[in-house]
Amino acid sequence: MGTQTPFGGKPILFAGDFIQILPVVRRGTRSSIVLASIKHISLWRNTEKFELTQNMRAGNDADFANWLLRLGNGQLPEVDHSRDTVNIPRYMVCDVDDLIDFVYPQQMSLADVDDFAPKIILCPKNEECRTINRQVLQRVVGAERTYYGIDTVVADDPDEVANYLTEFLNSLELNGLPPYALTLKVGAIVMWA
């Protein structure tokens, strides 16, 4: 572009909530994660910053928006003198069954798959995801069918095969792979990451 300015002088938009979303640093300490954030790169001082003034996710709930802001700024009281823990007010926590009722109808069928297919419940842990998936699958009308994975070890040494019991192989639930026994119904949405 014939210029030494960053990005050749072209406008670049960085968007995100830098208070709540930090970069992932493998085995990083708190300080190494903060140092890897966009605010610590050399280009940051040359950027023009715009800030949103309304929390769109909180809607019209000013108390929740204020609590989120205080959480992001590290202004909430610590629990048991631990810097990384906070008390979440009871009124902000819902029962899993109530959450499922809020997101999905009591009965779902292939006829209304377009209504429930775009809905999702995010879970921080895979075990919670499996539990919720089982409960939601019960709401899908129709017969269940279970698909089983291959549970055989192929090895050149026959003694090596004995090291991997079938029960052990069937109990593995690895990230990115479906479980050994995958139960589905017609109309169920399947996603794997």
Protein backbone atom coordinates (compact mmCIF):
# COMPACT_ATOMS: atom_id res chain seq x y z
CA MET A 1 0.00 0.00 0.00
CA GLY A 2 3.07 2.24 0.04
CA THR A 3 2.73 3.12 3.74
CA GLN A 4 4.29 1.95 6.98
CA THR A 5 1.08 2.30 8.97
CA PRO A 6 -0.42 -0.91 10.39
CA PHE A 7 -2.57 -2.95 7.99
CA GLY A 8 -1.49 -0.66 5.15
CA GLY A 9 -3.67 2.15 6.49
CA LYS A 10 -6.87 0.18 5.93
CA PRO A 11 -9.50 0.27 8.69
CA ILE A 12 -9.71 -2.94 10.70
CA LEU A 13 -12.49 -3.67 13.17
CA PHE A 14 -11.73 -5.61 16.36
CA ALA A 15 -14.95 -6.56 18.10
CA GLY A 16 -15.58 -8.37 21.32
CA ASP A 17 -16.10 -8.08 25.02
CA PHE A 18 -12.50 -7.89 26.15
CA ILE A 19 -13.55 -7.81 29.81
CA GLN A 20 -15.28 -11.17 29.71
CA ILE A 21 -13.53 -13.06 26.92
CA LEU A 22 -9.83 -13.64 27.44
CA PRO A 23 -7.49 -15.55 25.14
CA VAL A 24 -6.73 -19.18 25.88
CA VAL A 25 -3.13 -19.73 26.94
CA ARG A 26 -2.30 -23.38 27.45
CA ARG A 27 -1.25 -23.88 31.07
CA GLY A 28 -1.08 -20.11 31.37
CA THR A 29 -1.07 -18.19 34.60
CA ARG A 30 -3.47 -15.33 35.23
CA SER A 31 -0.81 -12.78 34.26
CA SER A 32 0.23 -14.62 31.07
CA ILE A 33 -3.40 -14.73 29.94
CA VAL A 34 -3.85 -11.01 30.54
CA LEU A 35 -0.56 -10.26 28.74
CA ALA A 36 -1.79 -12.26 25.71
CA SER A 37 -4.92 -10.11 25.42
CA ILE A 38 -5.44 -7.65 22.59
CA LYS A 39 -4.99 -4.69 24.95
CA HIS A 40 -1.32 -5.61 25.38
CA ILE A 41 -0.29 -5.70 21.70
CA SER A 42 1.71 -2.76 20.33
CA LEU A 43 -1.09 -1.76 17.94
CA TRP A 44 -3.57 -1.13 20.77
CA ARG A 45 -2.32 2.39 21.52
CA ASN A 46 -2.93 3.36 17.85
CA THR A 47 -6.53 2.18 17.77
CA GLU A 48 -9.64 4.27 18.07
CA LYS A 49 -11.92 2.77 20.70
CA PHE A 50 -15.71 2.78 20.78
CA GLU A 51 -17.66 1.38 23.68
CA LEU A 52 -21.20 0.09 23.77
CA THR A 53 -23.25 1.59 26.55
CA GLN A 54 -26.14 -0.89 26.67
CA ASN A 55 -25.82 -4.55 27.59
CA MET A 56 -27.93 -6.24 24.91
CA ARG A 57 -27.85 -9.66 26.59
CA ALA A 58 -29.21 -8.32 29.86
CA GLY A 59 -32.20 -6.72 28.13
CA ASN A 60 -33.98 -4.30 30.43
CA ASP A 61 -32.66 -5.94 33.60
CA ALA A 62 -30.44 -3.16 34.97
CA ASP A 63 -29.56 -5.13 38.12
CA PHE A 64 -28.27 -8.08 36.09
CA ALA A 65 -26.36 -5.79 33.70
CA ASN A 66 -24.74 -4.04 36.68
CA TRP A 67 -23.86 -7.38 38.30
CA LEU A 68 -22.26 -8.61 35.04
CA LEU A 69 -20.22 -5.42 34.77
CA ARG A 70 -19.04 -5.74 38.38
CA LEU A 71 -18.16 -9.39 37.72
CA GLY A 72 -16.13 -8.47 34.62
CA ASN A 73 -14.31 -5.71 36.49
CA GLY A 74 -13.45 -8.01 39.41
CA GLN A 75 -15.46 -5.90 41.85
CA LEU A 76 -17.55 -8.67 43.42
CA PRO A 77 -16.65 -9.90 46.92
CA GLU A 78 -14.41 -12.95 47.14
CA VAL A 79 -15.55 -16.28 48.57
CA ASP A 80 -13.29 -17.78 51.25
CA HIS A 81 -10.51 -15.32 50.35
CA SER A 82 -10.14 -16.89 46.90
CA ARG A 83 -9.65 -14.36 44.11
CA ASP A 84 -11.22 -16.51 41.41
CA THR A 85 -14.55 -17.32 43.09
CA VAL A 86 -17.72 -15.30 43.56
CA ASN A 87 -21.17 -15.98 44.95
CA ILE A 88 -23.85 -16.05 42.27
CA PRO A 89 -27.14 -14.76 43.70
CA ARG A 90 -29.74 -17.51 44.04
CA TYR A 91 -32.26 -15.62 41.90
CA MET A 92 -29.79 -15.79 38.98
CA VAL A 93 -29.51 -19.57 39.13
CA CYS A 94 -32.22 -21.73 37.60
CA ASP A 95 -32.98 -25.40 37.92
CA VAL A 96 -31.91 -27.51 34.92
CA ASP A 97 -35.44 -28.84 34.47
CA ASP A 98 -36.80 -25.28 34.41
CA LEU A 99 -34.16 -24.32 31.84
CA ILE A 100 -35.12 -27.24 29.59
CA ASP A 101 -38.82 -26.31 29.95
CA PHE A 102 -37.99 -22.71 28.99
CA VAL A 103 -36.01 -23.70 25.86
CA TYR A 104 -37.89 -26.75 24.56
CA PRO A 105 -41.57 -27.76 24.45
CA GLN A 106 -42.78 -30.83 26.35
CA GLN A 107 -43.18 -32.77 23.10
CA MET A 108 -41.22 -32.38 19.88
CA SER A 109 -41.81 -34.16 16.61
CA LEU A 110 -40.40 -34.17 13.10
CA ALA A 111 -43.27 -31.87 12.06
CA ASP A 112 -42.01 -29.04 14.27
CA VAL A 113 -38.26 -29.67 13.92
CA ASP A 114 -37.79 -26.19 12.41
CA ASP A 115 -39.10 -24.66 15.65
CA PHE A 116 -36.74 -26.44 18.05
CA ALA A 117 -33.69 -27.08 15.82
CA PRO A 118 -32.20 -23.56 16.22
CA LYS A 119 -32.44 -23.71 20.02
CA ILE A 120 -29.49 -24.78 22.12
CA ILE A 121 -28.41 -25.08 25.74
CA LEU A 122 -24.69 -24.52 26.26
CA CYS A 123 -22.96 -26.53 28.97
CA PRO A 124 -19.54 -25.97 30.50
CA LYS A 125 -18.89 -29.69 30.96
CA ASN A 126 -19.49 -32.70 28.71
CA GLU A 127 -21.21 -34.70 31.47
CA GLU A 128 -23.78 -31.93 31.95
CA CYS A 129 -24.31 -31.87 28.19
CA ARG A 130 -24.95 -35.62 28.11
CA THR A 131 -27.44 -35.36 30.98
CA ILE A 132 -29.39 -32.56 29.31
CA ASN A 133 -29.29 -34.35 25.94
CA ARG A 134 -30.85 -37.45 27.52
CA GLN A 135 -33.64 -35.37 29.08
CA VAL A 136 -34.35 -33.45 25.86
CA LEU A 137 -34.32 -36.65 23.79
CA GLN A 138 -37.16 -37.98 25.96
CA ARG A 139 -39.30 -35.08 24.69
CA VAL A 140 -38.87 -36.10 21.04
CA VAL A 141 -41.84 -38.19 19.93
CA GLY A 142 -40.90 -41.54 18.43
CA ALA A 143 -39.01 -44.74 19.01
CA GLU A 144 -35.44 -44.66 20.25
CA ARG A 145 -32.70 -46.43 18.37
CA THR A 146 -29.26 -47.07 19.82
CA TYR A 147 -26.18 -47.22 17.62
CA TYR A 148 -23.06 -48.92 18.95
CA GLY A 149 -19.45 -48.14 18.15
CA ILE A 150 -16.72 -50.62 17.38
CA ASP A 151 -15.13 -51.93 20.56
CA THR A 152 -12.40 -54.16 19.21
CA VAL A 153 -8.67 -53.60 19.51
CA VAL A 154 -6.57 -54.43 16.48
CA ALA A 155 -2.93 -55.12 17.34
CA ASP A 156 -0.07 -57.18 15.96
CA ASP A 157 0.62 -58.65 19.40
CA PRO A 158 -2.30 -60.76 20.74
CA ASP A 159 -1.15 -60.08 24.31
CA GLU A 160 -1.65 -56.34 23.70
CA VAL A 161 -5.35 -56.93 22.93
CA ALA A 162 -5.81 -58.37 26.44
CA ASN A 163 -4.74 -55.02 27.95
CA TYR A 164 -7.90 -53.30 26.69
CA LEU A 165 -11.03 -54.79 28.19
CA THR A 166 -14.23 -54.36 26.19
CA GLU A 167 -15.95 -52.74 29.19
CA PHE A 168 -13.14 -50.17 29.41
CA LEU A 169 -13.39 -49.32 25.70
CA ASN A 170 -17.18 -48.95 26.00
CA SER A 171 -16.84 -46.57 28.96
CA LEU A 172 -14.61 -44.07 27.13
CA GLU A 173 -16.28 -40.80 26.17
CA LEU A 174 -13.66 -38.83 24.30
CA ASN A 175 -14.01 -35.23 23.14
CA GLY A 176 -14.92 -35.00 19.48
CA LEU A 177 -16.21 -38.58 19.31
CA PRO A 178 -19.71 -39.92 19.93
CA PRO A 179 -20.18 -42.27 22.89
CA TYR A 180 -20.00 -46.04 22.42
CA ALA A 181 -23.81 -46.29 22.71
CA LEU A 182 -25.47 -43.38 20.89
CA THR A 183 -29.25 -43.25 21.34
CA LEU A 184 -31.23 -41.20 18.80
CA LYS A 185 -34.78 -40.64 17.60
CA VAL A 186 -36.03 -39.45 14.22
CA GLY A 187 -35.99 -35.65 14.37
CA ALA A 188 -33.21 -35.42 16.97
CA ILE A 189 -30.54 -32.87 16.11
CA VAL A 190 -26.99 -34.29 16.14
CA MET A 191 -23.95 -32.06 16.57
CA TRP A 192 -20.46 -33.15 17.53
CA ALA A 193 -17.49 -30.93 18.25
